[in-house]
Amino acid sequence: MALLDFELDVNSVDTTARPDFEPLPAGDYEVVIIQSELRRNKANTGAYIAMTYQVVSGQYQNRLVFDNINIHNASAKAQEIGRQSLAKIGKAVGVSKIVDTASLHGRPFMVRVAVRPADESRGFKAGNDVKDYFAVSGTDTPPAAPTPPPAPASNSTAPWKR
């Protein structure tokens, strides 16, 4: 049960308005992870992380992108790809060791999104597939610490001989 702190008059709400569920155009989007959940696959032979990203800038700000990242799979290749994806996200947000995906939440990074066409024969609508992950700066790792300035040019004579 959920006790509301207001009274909702259902006749005063436009229930005909539909949110925009059309896929985002292919491209790069700045996002943050707002939800991540470990789930078992349908065959119950492995597990994946169901990710929800929220676009944080640009024309599509606040739109959501969904992604499933395999972490345990009967296919070694699928598992390898999933773990590479998770590692790319970690590098993009500056987290080098991931034990809990909550450590990745709220940190901006970029995703490269493609459009998956509808498959009417299987009843699937068009959607988005995440193809890559990278840092907002365009590199796959956070910037390195600044290097110290070079030592000033010295006189060839040792200081104790001057």
Protein backbone atom coordinates (compact mmCIF):
# COMPACT_ATOMS: atom_id res chain seq x y z
CA MET A 1 0.00 0.00 0.00
CA ALA A 2 1.18 3.53 -0.75
CA LEU A 3 -0.43 6.38 1.14
CA LEU A 4 -0.33 9.50 -1.04
CA ASP A 5 0.36 12.88 0.49
CA PHE A 6 -2.14 14.41 -1.94
CA GLU A 7 -5.49 13.57 -3.51
CA LEU A 8 -5.34 12.71 -7.20
CA ASP A 9 -8.45 13.60 -9.20
CA VAL A 10 -8.06 11.12 -12.08
CA ASN A 11 -10.43 13.19 -14.23
CA SER A 12 -8.06 16.17 -14.11
CA VAL A 13 -5.10 14.30 -15.59
CA ASP A 14 -4.58 13.97 -19.34
CA THR A 15 -4.15 10.23 -19.73
CA THR A 16 -4.05 10.37 -23.53
CA ALA A 17 -0.58 11.93 -23.64
CA ARG A 18 2.01 9.24 -24.36
CA PRO A 19 5.69 9.47 -23.49
CA ASP A 20 8.11 9.36 -26.40
CA PHE A 21 9.33 5.78 -26.63
CA GLU A 22 10.82 6.13 -30.10
CA PRO A 23 14.48 5.10 -30.18
CA LEU A 24 17.11 7.80 -29.93
CA PRO A 25 18.86 8.59 -33.20
CA ALA A 26 22.21 6.82 -33.63
CA GLY A 27 24.99 8.85 -32.05
CA ASP A 28 26.98 9.61 -28.93
CA TYR A 29 25.18 10.66 -25.73
CA GLU A 30 26.39 11.84 -22.34
CA VAL A 31 24.70 9.67 -19.72
CA VAL A 32 24.74 8.62 -16.08
CA ILE A 33 23.72 5.25 -14.70
CA ILE A 34 20.55 5.65 -12.66
CA GLN A 35 19.79 1.96 -12.10
CA SER A 36 21.65 -1.33 -12.29
CA GLU A 37 20.31 -4.71 -11.34
CA LEU A 38 21.82 -8.19 -11.44
CA ARG A 39 19.41 -10.61 -13.15
CA ARG A 40 19.45 -14.26 -14.18
CA ASN A 41 19.10 -14.99 -17.90
CA LYS A 42 15.96 -16.72 -19.22
CA ALA A 43 17.67 -20.11 -19.43
CA ASN A 44 18.92 -19.67 -15.85
CA THR A 45 22.44 -20.52 -17.03
CA GLY A 46 24.02 -17.14 -16.45
CA ALA A 47 23.56 -13.58 -15.25
CA TYR A 48 23.61 -10.06 -16.65
CA ILE A 49 23.44 -6.53 -15.35
CA ALA A 50 20.37 -4.64 -16.52
CA MET A 51 21.54 -1.03 -16.83
CA THR A 52 19.43 2.09 -17.14
CA TYR A 53 21.24 5.19 -18.38
CA GLN A 54 19.77 8.69 -18.39
CA VAL A 55 20.87 11.22 -21.00
CA VAL A 56 22.12 14.30 -19.11
CA SER A 57 22.63 16.86 -21.85
CA GLY A 58 21.51 17.96 -25.28
CA GLN A 59 18.25 17.65 -27.16
CA TYR A 60 17.42 14.25 -25.63
CA GLN A 61 18.15 15.19 -22.01
CA ASN A 62 16.30 12.96 -19.51
CA ARG A 63 15.59 10.20 -22.05
CA LEU A 64 16.48 6.69 -20.93
CA VAL A 65 18.68 4.10 -22.62
CA PHE A 66 18.57 0.44 -21.54
CA ASP A 67 21.46 -2.00 -21.79
CA ASN A 68 22.11 -5.59 -20.68
CA ILE A 69 25.70 -6.55 -19.90
CA ASN A 70 26.52 -10.26 -19.61
CA ILE A 71 28.76 -11.10 -16.68
CA HIS A 72 28.20 -14.88 -16.42
CA ASN A 73 27.34 -16.76 -19.59
CA ALA A 74 27.69 -20.26 -21.03
CA SER A 75 29.31 -18.58 -24.03
CA ALA A 76 32.83 -17.55 -23.08
CA LYS A 77 32.79 -14.93 -25.85
CA ALA A 78 29.53 -13.34 -24.61
CA GLN A 79 30.94 -13.24 -21.07
CA GLU A 80 34.21 -11.70 -22.32
CA ILE A 81 32.33 -9.00 -24.27
CA GLY A 82 30.18 -8.20 -21.24
CA ARG A 83 33.12 -7.88 -18.92
CA GLN A 84 34.93 -5.69 -21.46
CA SER A 85 31.85 -3.45 -21.56
CA LEU A 86 31.77 -3.19 -17.77
CA ALA A 87 35.52 -2.43 -17.73
CA LYS A 88 35.04 0.32 -20.35
CA ILE A 89 32.37 1.93 -18.17
CA GLY A 90 34.68 1.72 -15.14
CA LYS A 91 37.53 3.36 -17.06
CA ALA A 92 35.21 6.02 -18.47
CA VAL A 93 34.06 7.09 -15.00
CA GLY A 94 37.40 6.63 -13.23
CA VAL A 95 36.55 3.53 -11.16
CA SER A 96 39.36 0.98 -11.40
CA LYS A 97 37.90 -1.80 -9.21
CA ILE A 98 34.21 -2.70 -9.47
CA VAL A 99 32.61 -4.81 -6.77
CA ASP A 100 29.21 -3.09 -6.67
CA THR A 101 27.77 -1.33 -9.72
CA ALA A 102 26.41 1.35 -7.39
CA SER A 103 29.96 2.80 -7.48
CA LEU A 104 29.30 3.66 -11.15
CA HIS A 105 25.99 5.46 -10.59
CA GLY A 106 25.70 9.19 -11.16
CA ARG A 107 29.08 9.55 -12.89
CA PRO A 108 28.88 11.01 -16.40
CA PHE A 109 30.27 9.12 -19.39
CA MET A 110 29.46 8.68 -23.06
CA VAL A 111 27.62 5.89 -24.84
CA ARG A 112 27.56 5.27 -28.57
CA VAL A 113 24.03 4.23 -29.52
CA ALA A 114 22.80 2.48 -32.66
CA VAL A 115 19.20 2.00 -33.77
CA ARG A 116 17.91 -1.58 -33.84
CA PRO A 117 15.19 -1.84 -36.50
CA ALA A 118 11.78 -3.26 -35.64
CA ASP A 119 11.23 -6.98 -36.21
CA GLU A 120 7.53 -7.24 -36.96
CA SER A 121 7.68 -11.03 -37.38
CA ARG A 122 8.77 -11.38 -33.75
CA GLY A 123 6.69 -8.49 -32.43
CA PHE A 124 9.68 -6.28 -31.53
CA LYS A 125 9.54 -2.51 -31.91
CA ALA A 126 12.57 -0.49 -33.01
CA GLY A 127 14.97 0.24 -30.17
CA ASN A 128 18.49 1.23 -29.25
CA ASP A 129 21.62 -0.86 -28.76
CA VAL A 130 24.64 0.49 -26.89
CA LYS A 131 27.74 -0.16 -28.98
CA ASP A 132 30.50 1.56 -27.00
CA TYR A 133 31.33 3.37 -23.76
CA PHE A 134 33.93 6.09 -23.24
CA ALA A 135 34.84 9.07 -21.05
CA VAL A 136 33.18 12.41 -21.63
CA SER A 137 36.57 13.83 -22.65
CA GLY A 138 36.72 11.35 -25.53
CA THR A 139 39.39 9.11 -24.02
CA ASP A 140 38.73 5.75 -22.45
CA THR A 141 40.57 6.63 -19.26
CA PRO A 142 40.49 9.65 -16.96
CA PRO A 143 43.19 12.24 -17.67
CA ALA A 144 46.56 11.46 -16.19
CA ALA A 145 47.93 13.53 -13.34
CA PRO A 146 49.78 16.57 -14.62
CA THR A 147 53.49 16.07 -15.09
CA PRO A 148 55.78 18.28 -13.01
CA PRO A 149 57.42 21.16 -14.85
CA PRO A 150 60.94 20.50 -16.09
CA ALA A 151 63.77 21.50 -13.78
CA PRO A 152 65.15 24.92 -14.58
CA ALA A 153 68.19 24.96 -16.81
CA SER A 154 71.27 24.83 -14.66
CA ASN A 155 74.69 26.31 -14.98
CA SER A 156 77.21 23.66 -15.91
CA THR A 157 79.26 24.60 -12.86
CA ALA A 158 78.36 22.72 -9.70
CA PRO A 159 76.86 25.04 -7.03
CA TRP A 160 79.70 24.44 -4.54
CA LYS A 161 82.27 25.49 -7.18
CA ARG A 162 80.68 28.87 -7.96
